[in-house]
């Protein structure tokens, strides 16, 4: 949540209702969480986070593998989203344009590529049941619409398979 929602009076607001400006702060935090894989202020919880936000603290720029997605442009737009003065935060359109521009040059930090064991990968939908091939070249029962049966062990524990509900 943005600082003005935690303490509306300090920002000259009559109530603590969300605004477009508070949404801009929130989208910056959401982008930070998605790109870093961690919540902002991961070592703090509850009221400690609120106090930090009200003091003007913002998340630190992730380093190493966690920071691979945080180009200078992306970090700059996030900092603008977290401006203490709500009216100084960027429009969502500007945030999206920055992300779109940055995404053109992003390369996943550790992208694993499956390499087929044969030179001729199996054709998709090549089995007679209409199932699709998985990465290992086997037909996936999920793509055929066949639910998995609950095991004897799970039934004895009282677990239920969703297909039987």
C-alpha atoms as a PDB file:
ATOM      1  CA  UNK A   1       0.000   0.000   0.000  1.00  0.00           C
ATOM      2  CA  UNK A   2       1.107   3.519  -0.670  1.00  0.00           C
ATOM      3  CA  UNK A   3       2.136   5.879   2.132  1.00  0.00           C
ATOM      4  CA  UNK A   4      -0.920   8.092   1.682  1.00  0.00           C
ATOM      5  CA  UNK A   5      -3.236   5.145   2.310  1.00  0.00           C
ATOM      6  CA  UNK A   6      -1.466   4.392   5.602  1.00  0.00           C
ATOM      7  CA  UNK A   7      -1.550   8.029   6.773  1.00  0.00           C
ATOM      8  CA  UNK A   8      -4.047  10.085   4.710  1.00  0.00           C
ATOM      9  CA  UNK A   9      -3.898  13.183   6.931  1.00  0.00           C
ATOM     10  CA  UNK A  10      -0.156  13.628   6.340  1.00  0.00           C
ATOM     11  CA  UNK A  11      -0.884  13.826   2.631  1.00  0.00           C
ATOM     12  CA  UNK A  12      -3.805  16.213   2.948  1.00  0.00           C
ATOM     13  CA  UNK A  13      -6.402  13.563   2.139  1.00  0.00           C
ATOM     14  CA  UNK A  14      -9.807  13.331   3.783  1.00  0.00           C
ATOM     15  CA  UNK A  15      -9.920   9.544   3.713  1.00  0.00           C
ATOM     16  CA  UNK A  16      -7.700   6.587   2.981  1.00  0.00           C
ATOM     17  CA  UNK A  17      -9.449   5.507  -0.197  1.00  0.00           C
ATOM     18  CA  UNK A  18      -7.311   4.179  -3.064  1.00  0.00           C
ATOM     19  CA  UNK A  19      -6.659   6.569  -5.956  1.00  0.00           C
ATOM     20  CA  UNK A  20      -5.002   6.277  -9.349  1.00  0.00           C
ATOM     21  CA  UNK A  21      -1.847   7.591  -7.719  1.00  0.00           C
ATOM     22  CA  UNK A  22      -1.937   4.919  -4.977  1.00  0.00           C
ATOM     23  CA  UNK A  23      -2.510   2.310  -7.691  1.00  0.00           C
ATOM     24  CA  UNK A  24       0.646   3.583  -9.421  1.00  0.00           C
ATOM     25  CA  UNK A  25       2.609   3.016  -6.221  1.00  0.00           C
ATOM     26  CA  UNK A  26       1.090  -0.467  -5.902  1.00  0.00           C
ATOM     27  CA  UNK A  27       1.905  -1.458  -9.497  1.00  0.00           C
ATOM     28  CA  UNK A  28       5.530  -0.549  -8.832  1.00  0.00           C
ATOM     29  CA  UNK A  29       5.580  -2.876  -5.828  1.00  0.00           C
ATOM     30  CA  UNK A  30       3.840  -5.607  -7.810  1.00  0.00           C
ATOM     31  CA  UNK A  31       6.356  -5.353 -10.647  1.00  0.00           C
ATOM     32  CA  UNK A  32       9.182  -5.495  -8.109  1.00  0.00           C
ATOM     33  CA  UNK A  33       7.699  -8.638  -6.559  1.00  0.00           C
ATOM     34  CA  UNK A  34       7.118 -10.371  -9.894  1.00  0.00           C
ATOM     35  CA  UNK A  35      10.568  -9.598 -11.294  1.00  0.00           C
ATOM     36  CA  UNK A  36      12.501 -10.358  -8.100  1.00  0.00           C
ATOM     37  CA  UNK A  37      10.430 -13.300  -6.922  1.00  0.00           C
ATOM     38  CA  UNK A  38      10.275 -11.774  -3.424  1.00  0.00           C
ATOM     39  CA  UNK A  39       7.876  -9.527  -1.584  1.00  0.00           C
ATOM     40  CA  UNK A  40       9.174  -6.009  -0.977  1.00  0.00           C
ATOM     41  CA  UNK A  41      10.947  -5.759   2.398  1.00  0.00           C
ATOM     42  CA  UNK A  42      11.266  -9.556   2.721  1.00  0.00           C
ATOM     43  CA  UNK A  43      13.021  -9.401   6.118  1.00  0.00           C
ATOM     44  CA  UNK A  44      10.210  -7.355   7.696  1.00  0.00           C
ATOM     45  CA  UNK A  45       6.543  -8.045   8.345  1.00  0.00           C
ATOM     46  CA  UNK A  46       3.358  -6.224   9.241  1.00  0.00           C
ATOM     47  CA  UNK A  47       3.725  -2.947  11.037  1.00  0.00           C
ATOM     48  CA  UNK A  48       7.507  -2.849  10.485  1.00  0.00           C
ATOM     49  CA  UNK A  49       6.862  -2.557   6.743  1.00  0.00           C
ATOM     50  CA  UNK A  50       4.320   0.236   7.274  1.00  0.00           C
ATOM     51  CA  UNK A  51       6.815   2.192   9.385  1.00  0.00           C
ATOM     52  CA  UNK A  52       9.510   1.827   6.721  1.00  0.00           C
ATOM     53  CA  UNK A  53       7.168   2.997   3.972  1.00  0.00           C
ATOM     54  CA  UNK A  54       6.042   6.013   6.017  1.00  0.00           C
ATOM     55  CA  UNK A  55       9.707   6.895   6.664  1.00  0.00           C
ATOM     56  CA  UNK A  56      10.241   6.959   2.899  1.00  0.00           C
ATOM     57  CA  UNK A  57      12.128   3.686   2.568  1.00  0.00           C
ATOM     58  CA  UNK A  58      11.665   1.726  -0.614  1.00  0.00           C
ATOM     59  CA  UNK A  59      12.839  -1.729  -1.678  1.00  0.00           C
ATOM     60  CA  UNK A  60      16.500  -2.084  -2.554  1.00  0.00           C
ATOM     61  CA  UNK A  61      17.469  -2.897  -6.099  1.00  0.00           C
ATOM     62  CA  UNK A  62      18.051  -6.656  -6.285  1.00  0.00           C
ATOM     63  CA  UNK A  63      21.547  -7.759  -7.229  1.00  0.00           C
ATOM     64  CA  UNK A  64      22.938 -10.844  -8.908  1.00  0.00           C
ATOM     65  CA  UNK A  65      20.512 -13.342 -10.418  1.00  0.00           C
ATOM     66  CA  UNK A  66      17.541 -11.747  -8.626  1.00  0.00           C
ATOM     67  CA  UNK A  67      18.381  -8.399 -10.196  1.00  0.00           C
ATOM     68  CA  UNK A  68      18.812  -9.628 -13.763  1.00  0.00           C
ATOM     69  CA  UNK A  69      15.423  -8.239 -14.833  1.00  0.00           C
ATOM     70  CA  UNK A  70      16.006  -4.804 -13.274  1.00  0.00           C
ATOM     71  CA  UNK A  71      17.533  -2.793 -16.093  1.00  0.00           C
ATOM     72  CA  UNK A  72      18.336   0.844 -15.385  1.00  0.00           C
ATOM     73  CA  UNK A  73      15.139   1.913 -17.173  1.00  0.00           C
ATOM     74  CA  UNK A  74      12.965  -0.531 -15.234  1.00  0.00           C
ATOM     75  CA  UNK A  75      14.528   0.466 -11.918  1.00  0.00           C
ATOM     76  CA  UNK A  76      14.044   4.134 -12.754  1.00  0.00           C
ATOM     77  CA  UNK A  77      10.330   3.707 -13.513  1.00  0.00           C
ATOM     78  CA  UNK A  78       9.841   1.714 -10.294  1.00  0.00           C
ATOM     79  CA  UNK A  79      11.466   4.481  -8.276  1.00  0.00           C
ATOM     80  CA  UNK A  80       9.135   6.971  -9.947  1.00  0.00           C
ATOM     81  CA  UNK A  81       6.152   4.755  -9.005  1.00  0.00           C
ATOM     82  CA  UNK A  82       7.286   4.984  -5.377  1.00  0.00           C
ATOM     83  CA  UNK A  83       7.587   8.777  -5.294  1.00  0.00           C
ATOM     84  CA  UNK A  84       6.460  10.128  -1.907  1.00  0.00           C
ATOM     85  CA  UNK A  85       4.323  12.791  -3.583  1.00  0.00           C
ATOM     86  CA  UNK A  86       1.430  10.965  -5.271  1.00  0.00           C
ATOM     87  CA  UNK A  87       1.134  13.512  -8.090  1.00  0.00           C
ATOM     88  CA  UNK A  88       4.740  12.839  -9.165  1.00  0.00           C
ATOM     89  CA  UNK A  89       4.146   9.168  -9.964  1.00  0.00           C
ATOM     90  CA  UNK A  90       4.139   8.104 -13.624  1.00  0.00           C
ATOM     91  CA  UNK A  91       1.034   7.229 -15.567  1.00  0.00           C
ATOM     92  CA  UNK A  92       0.372   3.504 -15.935  1.00  0.00           C
ATOM     93  CA  UNK A  93       0.748   3.953 -19.694  1.00  0.00           C
ATOM     94  CA  UNK A  94       4.341   5.153 -19.141  1.00  0.00           C
ATOM     95  CA  UNK A  95       5.072   2.187 -16.863  1.00  0.00           C
ATOM     96  CA  UNK A  96       3.742  -0.266 -19.446  1.00  0.00           C
ATOM     97  CA  UNK A  97       5.711   1.388 -22.260  1.00  0.00           C
ATOM     98  CA  UNK A  98       8.892   1.104 -20.199  1.00  0.00           C
ATOM     99  CA  UNK A  99       8.254  -2.590 -19.507  1.00  0.00           C
ATOM    100  CA  UNK A 100       7.458  -3.260 -23.152  1.00  0.00           C
ATOM    101  CA  UNK A 101      10.661  -1.553 -24.281  1.00  0.00           C
ATOM    102  CA  UNK A 102      12.749  -3.400 -21.678  1.00  0.00           C
ATOM    103  CA  UNK A 103      11.164  -6.760 -22.501  1.00  0.00           C
ATOM    104  CA  UNK A 104      12.508  -6.596 -26.044  1.00  0.00           C
ATOM    105  CA  UNK A 105      16.051  -6.949 -24.740  1.00  0.00           C
ATOM    106  CA  UNK A 106      15.418  -9.250 -21.750  1.00  0.00           C
ATOM    107  CA  UNK A 107      16.997 -12.655 -21.791  1.00  0.00           C
ATOM    108  CA  UNK A 108      16.015 -14.993 -18.983  1.00  0.00           C
ATOM    109  CA  UNK A 109      18.953 -15.273 -16.560  1.00  0.00           C
ATOM    110  CA  UNK A 110      19.060 -19.073 -16.557  1.00  0.00           C
ATOM    111  CA  UNK A 111      16.864 -20.385 -19.298  1.00  0.00           C
ATOM    112  CA  UNK A 112      16.899 -24.154 -19.560  1.00  0.00           C
ATOM    113  CA  UNK A 113      16.317 -25.498 -23.016  1.00  0.00           C
ATOM    114  CA  UNK A 114      15.108 -29.064 -23.503  1.00  0.00           C
ATOM    115  CA  UNK A 115      17.169 -30.818 -26.143  1.00  0.00           C
ATOM    116  CA  UNK A 116      15.535 -33.793 -27.873  1.00  0.00           C
ATOM    117  CA  UNK A 117      17.496 -37.051 -27.790  1.00  0.00           C
ATOM    118  CA  UNK A 118      16.678 -37.700 -31.436  1.00  0.00           C
ATOM    119  CA  UNK A 119      17.106 -35.444 -34.405  1.00  0.00           C
ATOM    120  CA  UNK A 120      13.428 -35.752 -35.332  1.00  0.00           C
ATOM    121  CA  UNK A 121      11.130 -34.498 -32.568  1.00  0.00           C
ATOM    122  CA  UNK A 122       7.696 -36.168 -32.448  1.00  0.00           C
ATOM    123  CA  UNK A 123       4.888 -34.368 -34.231  1.00  0.00           C
ATOM    124  CA  UNK A 124       2.249 -32.717 -32.068  1.00  0.00           C
ATOM    125  CA  UNK A 125      -1.127 -34.453 -31.885  1.00  0.00           C
ATOM    126  CA  UNK A 126       0.399 -37.463 -33.600  1.00  0.00           C
ATOM    127  CA  UNK A 127      -1.391 -40.112 -31.556  1.00  0.00           C
ATOM    128  CA  UNK A 128      -4.795 -41.406 -32.478  1.00  0.00           C
ATOM    129  CA  UNK A 129      -6.441 -40.273 -29.229  1.00  0.00           C
ATOM    130  CA  UNK A 130      -5.799 -36.588 -29.902  1.00  0.00           C
ATOM    131  CA  UNK A 131      -3.437 -36.185 -26.939  1.00  0.00           C
ATOM    132  CA  UNK A 132      -0.414 -33.927 -27.216  1.00  0.00           C
ATOM    133  CA  UNK A 133       3.217 -34.870 -26.822  1.00  0.00           C
ATOM    134  CA  UNK A 134       4.997 -33.763 -23.691  1.00  0.00           C
ATOM    135  CA  UNK A 135       8.620 -32.575 -23.595  1.00  0.00           C
ATOM    136  CA  UNK A 136       9.730 -36.188 -23.157  1.00  0.00           C
ATOM    137  CA  UNK A 137       7.827 -37.363 -26.234  1.00  0.00           C
ATOM    138  CA  UNK A 138       5.156 -39.232 -24.260  1.00  0.00           C
ATOM    139  CA  UNK A 139       1.435 -38.593 -24.465  1.00  0.00           C
ATOM    140  CA  UNK A 140       0.195 -36.553 -21.520  1.00  0.00           C
ATOM    141  CA  UNK A 141      -2.930 -37.950 -19.878  1.00  0.00           C
ATOM    142  CA  UNK A 142      -3.964 -34.424 -18.882  1.00  0.00           C
ATOM    143  CA  UNK A 143      -4.014 -33.252 -22.491  1.00  0.00           C
ATOM    144  CA  UNK A 144      -6.271 -36.222 -23.308  1.00  0.00           C
ATOM    145  CA  UNK A 145      -8.715 -35.167 -20.620  1.00  0.00           C
ATOM    146  CA  UNK A 146      -8.235 -38.357 -18.577  1.00  0.00           C
ATOM    147  CA  UNK A 147      -8.295 -37.575 -14.860  1.00  0.00           C
ATOM    148  CA  UNK A 148      -5.811 -39.402 -12.692  1.00  0.00           C
ATOM    149  CA  UNK A 149      -7.307 -41.980 -10.349  1.00  0.00           C
ATOM    150  CA  UNK A 150      -6.914 -41.421  -6.637  1.00  0.00           C
ATOM    151  CA  UNK A 151      -4.528 -43.866  -5.025  1.00  0.00           C
ATOM    152  CA  UNK A 152      -5.709 -46.412  -2.470  1.00  0.00           C
ATOM    153  CA  UNK A 153      -3.580 -44.566   0.088  1.00  0.00           C
ATOM    154  CA  UNK A 154      -5.232 -41.191  -0.584  1.00  0.00           C
ATOM    155  CA  UNK A 155      -8.705 -42.737  -0.369  1.00  0.00           C
ATOM    156  CA  UNK A 156      -7.924 -44.247   3.009  1.00  0.00           C
ATOM    157  CA  UNK A 157      -6.874 -40.782   4.241  1.00  0.00           C
ATOM    158  CA  UNK A 158     -10.170 -39.341   3.032  1.00  0.00           C
ATOM    159  CA  UNK A 159      -8.676 -37.302   0.173  1.00  0.00           C
ATOM    160  CA  UNK A 160     -10.997 -36.687  -2.742  1.00  0.00           C
ATOM    161  CA  UNK A 161     -10.168 -36.418  -6.398  1.00  0.00           C
ATOM    162  CA  UNK A 162     -11.726 -33.292  -7.879  1.00  0.00           C
ATOM    163  CA  UNK A 163     -13.222 -35.307 -10.736  1.00  0.00           C
ATOM    164  CA  UNK A 164     -15.396 -37.203  -8.218  1.00  0.00           C
ATOM    165  CA  UNK A 165     -16.816 -34.154  -6.433  1.00  0.00           C
END
